[in-house]
Amino acid sequence: MATQLFLTNTADKSQKNLDKPLRERIKQALMEIMTCPRGKGEKLSQPLTMVYSHHIKYKGKEFRIAYQYSEETDCVVVLLIGPHENFYRRVKNLVYAS
């Protein structure tokens, strides 16, 4: 069974605001993540230990893809896609929003 990929509404909206060549790079990165979810991203530290971050460099800027992986369901859930600036604060707000 192949790994399934889901984008949260926040991740979907954030990637739609990016230019087309960057969206293509993100699409390629998502395909790589699906082949090896634990190996492609770096696991974050407290309090986001259940989140992985994949790094992309585009036109001299750093972009990130934050995702969670469930081994039981073999499913990747992309939480957020965006520039590095304030990225982890935004991920934390998403994960711990009530």
C-alpha atoms as a PDB file:
ATOM      1  CA  MET A   1       0.000   0.000   0.000  1.00  0.00           C
ATOM      2  CA  ALA A   2       1.386   3.404  -0.966  1.00  0.00           C
ATOM      3  CA  THR A   3       1.857   6.236   1.475  1.00  0.00           C
ATOM      4  CA  GLN A   4      -1.090   8.623   1.390  1.00  0.00           C
ATOM      5  CA  LEU A   5      -0.631  12.392   1.374  1.00  0.00           C
ATOM      6  CA  PHE A   6      -3.045  14.947   2.816  1.00  0.00           C
ATOM      7  CA  LEU A   7      -2.711  18.729   2.928  1.00  0.00           C
ATOM      8  CA  THR A   8      -4.462  20.689   5.628  1.00  0.00           C
ATOM      9  CA  ASN A   9      -6.505  23.673   4.446  1.00  0.00           C
ATOM     10  CA  THR A  10      -3.776  25.945   5.831  1.00  0.00           C
ATOM     11  CA  ALA A  11      -1.040  24.143   3.869  1.00  0.00           C
ATOM     12  CA  ASP A  12      -3.117  24.143   0.698  1.00  0.00           C
ATOM     13  CA  LYS A  13      -3.876  27.868   0.940  1.00  0.00           C
ATOM     14  CA  SER A  14      -0.275  28.789   1.791  1.00  0.00           C
ATOM     15  CA  GLN A  15       1.186  26.945  -1.202  1.00  0.00           C
ATOM     16  CA  LYS A  16      -1.336  28.489  -3.611  1.00  0.00           C
ATOM     17  CA  ASN A  17       0.128  31.933  -2.822  1.00  0.00           C
ATOM     18  CA  LEU A  18       3.611  30.889  -4.028  1.00  0.00           C
ATOM     19  CA  ASP A  19       4.885  31.269  -7.578  1.00  0.00           C
ATOM     20  CA  LYS A  20       4.540  28.357 -10.008  1.00  0.00           C
ATOM     21  CA  PRO A  21       8.213  27.217 -10.188  1.00  0.00           C
ATOM     22  CA  LEU A  22       8.346  27.067  -6.378  1.00  0.00           C
ATOM     23  CA  ARG A  23       5.075  25.100  -6.275  1.00  0.00           C
ATOM     24  CA  GLU A  24       6.676  22.603  -8.696  1.00  0.00           C
ATOM     25  CA  ARG A  25       9.698  22.262  -6.369  1.00  0.00           C
ATOM     26  CA  ILE A  26       7.315  21.719  -3.451  1.00  0.00           C
ATOM     27  CA  LYS A  27       5.429  19.062  -5.424  1.00  0.00           C
ATOM     28  CA  GLN A  28       8.732  17.248  -6.099  1.00  0.00           C
ATOM     29  CA  ALA A  29       9.662  17.519  -2.418  1.00  0.00           C
ATOM     30  CA  LEU A  30       6.286  16.063  -1.386  1.00  0.00           C
ATOM     31  CA  MET A  31       6.875  13.089  -3.708  1.00  0.00           C
ATOM     32  CA  GLU A  32      10.288  12.553  -2.077  1.00  0.00           C
ATOM     33  CA  ILE A  33       8.745  12.791   1.388  1.00  0.00           C
ATOM     34  CA  MET A  34       6.184  10.127   0.455  1.00  0.00           C
ATOM     35  CA  THR A  35       8.963   7.696  -0.524  1.00  0.00           C
ATOM     36  CA  CYS A  36      10.682   8.001   2.876  1.00  0.00           C
ATOM     37  CA  PRO A  37       8.739  10.172   5.356  1.00  0.00           C
ATOM     38  CA  ARG A  38      11.083   9.649   8.291  1.00  0.00           C
ATOM     39  CA  GLY A  39      14.280  10.069   6.268  1.00  0.00           C
ATOM     40  CA  LYS A  40      13.485  13.182   4.214  1.00  0.00           C
ATOM     41  CA  GLY A  41      12.568  15.580   7.014  1.00  0.00           C
ATOM     42  CA  GLU A  42      14.248  16.420  10.263  1.00  0.00           C
ATOM     43  CA  LYS A  43      12.304  15.700  13.420  1.00  0.00           C
ATOM     44  CA  LEU A  44      11.676  18.843  15.431  1.00  0.00           C
ATOM     45  CA  SER A  45      12.426  19.306  19.119  1.00  0.00           C
ATOM     46  CA  GLN A  46      10.098  20.085  22.028  1.00  0.00           C
ATOM     47  CA  PRO A  47       7.250  20.961  21.915  1.00  0.00           C
ATOM     48  CA  LEU A  48       6.883  19.832  18.269  1.00  0.00           C
ATOM     49  CA  THR A  49       8.426  16.348  18.536  1.00  0.00           C
ATOM     50  CA  MET A  50       5.660  14.809  16.406  1.00  0.00           C
ATOM     51  CA  VAL A  51       6.389  17.150  13.475  1.00  0.00           C
ATOM     52  CA  TYR A  52       8.985  16.811  10.714  1.00  0.00           C
ATOM     53  CA  SER A  53      10.423  19.697   8.699  1.00  0.00           C
ATOM     54  CA  HIS A  54      11.695  19.450   5.117  1.00  0.00           C
ATOM     55  CA  HIS A  55      13.865  22.308   3.818  1.00  0.00           C
ATOM     56  CA  ILE A  56      13.804  23.800   0.312  1.00  0.00           C
ATOM     57  CA  LYS A  57      16.030  26.579  -0.997  1.00  0.00           C
ATOM     58  CA  TYR A  58      14.548  28.695  -3.786  1.00  0.00           C
ATOM     59  CA  LYS A  59      16.022  31.895  -5.235  1.00  0.00           C
ATOM     60  CA  GLY A  60      18.237  32.339  -2.190  1.00  0.00           C
ATOM     61  CA  LYS A  61      15.347  32.011   0.289  1.00  0.00           C
ATOM     62  CA  GLU A  62      14.611  29.174   2.676  1.00  0.00           C
ATOM     63  CA  PHE A  63      11.199  27.484   2.588  1.00  0.00           C
ATOM     64  CA  ARG A  64       9.858  24.754   4.836  1.00  0.00           C
ATOM     65  CA  ILE A  65       7.315  21.958   4.678  1.00  0.00           C
ATOM     66  CA  ALA A  66       6.033  20.880   8.095  1.00  0.00           C
ATOM     67  CA  TYR A  67       4.361  17.486   8.235  1.00  0.00           C
ATOM     68  CA  GLN A  68       3.335  14.655  10.511  1.00  0.00           C
ATOM     69  CA  TYR A  69       3.693  10.981   9.654  1.00  0.00           C
ATOM     70  CA  SER A  70       1.593   8.143  11.016  1.00  0.00           C
ATOM     71  CA  GLU A  71       3.244   4.761  10.622  1.00  0.00           C
ATOM     72  CA  GLU A  72       0.022   2.904  11.534  1.00  0.00           C
ATOM     73  CA  THR A  73      -1.936   4.413   8.652  1.00  0.00           C
ATOM     74  CA  ASP A  74       1.119   5.117   6.420  1.00  0.00           C
ATOM     75  CA  CYS A  75      -0.141   8.656   6.003  1.00  0.00           C
ATOM     76  CA  VAL A  76       1.651  12.016   5.670  1.00  0.00           C
ATOM     77  CA  VAL A  77      -0.298  15.106   6.747  1.00  0.00           C
ATOM     78  CA  VAL A  78       1.236  18.380   5.571  1.00  0.00           C
ATOM     79  CA  LEU A  79       0.553  21.060   8.175  1.00  0.00           C
ATOM     80  CA  LEU A  80       2.155  24.127   6.621  1.00  0.00           C
ATOM     81  CA  ILE A  81       4.241  25.221   3.632  1.00  0.00           C
ATOM     82  CA  GLY A  82       6.000  28.565   3.635  1.00  0.00           C
ATOM     83  CA  PRO A  83       9.053  30.762   4.097  1.00  0.00           C
ATOM     84  CA  HIS A  84      11.355  30.134   7.046  1.00  0.00           C
ATOM     85  CA  GLU A  85      10.551  33.462   8.726  1.00  0.00           C
ATOM     86  CA  ASN A  86       8.235  32.818  11.722  1.00  0.00           C
ATOM     87  CA  PHE A  87       7.531  29.358  10.264  1.00  0.00           C
ATOM     88  CA  TYR A  88       7.945  27.326  13.455  1.00  0.00           C
ATOM     89  CA  ARG A  89       5.880  29.772  15.491  1.00  0.00           C
ATOM     90  CA  ARG A  90       3.078  29.348  12.943  1.00  0.00           C
ATOM     91  CA  VAL A  91       3.413  25.533  13.075  1.00  0.00           C
ATOM     92  CA  LYS A  92       3.243  25.613  16.869  1.00  0.00           C
ATOM     93  CA  ASN A  93       0.110  27.762  16.693  1.00  0.00           C
ATOM     94  CA  LEU A  94      -1.477  25.298  14.249  1.00  0.00           C
ATOM     95  CA  VAL A  95      -0.643  22.227  16.304  1.00  0.00           C
ATOM     96  CA  TYR A  96      -1.722  23.680  19.632  1.00  0.00           C
ATOM     97  CA  ALA A  97      -4.707  25.761  18.484  1.00  0.00           C
ATOM     98  CA  SER A  98      -7.790  24.945  20.492  1.00  0.00           C
END
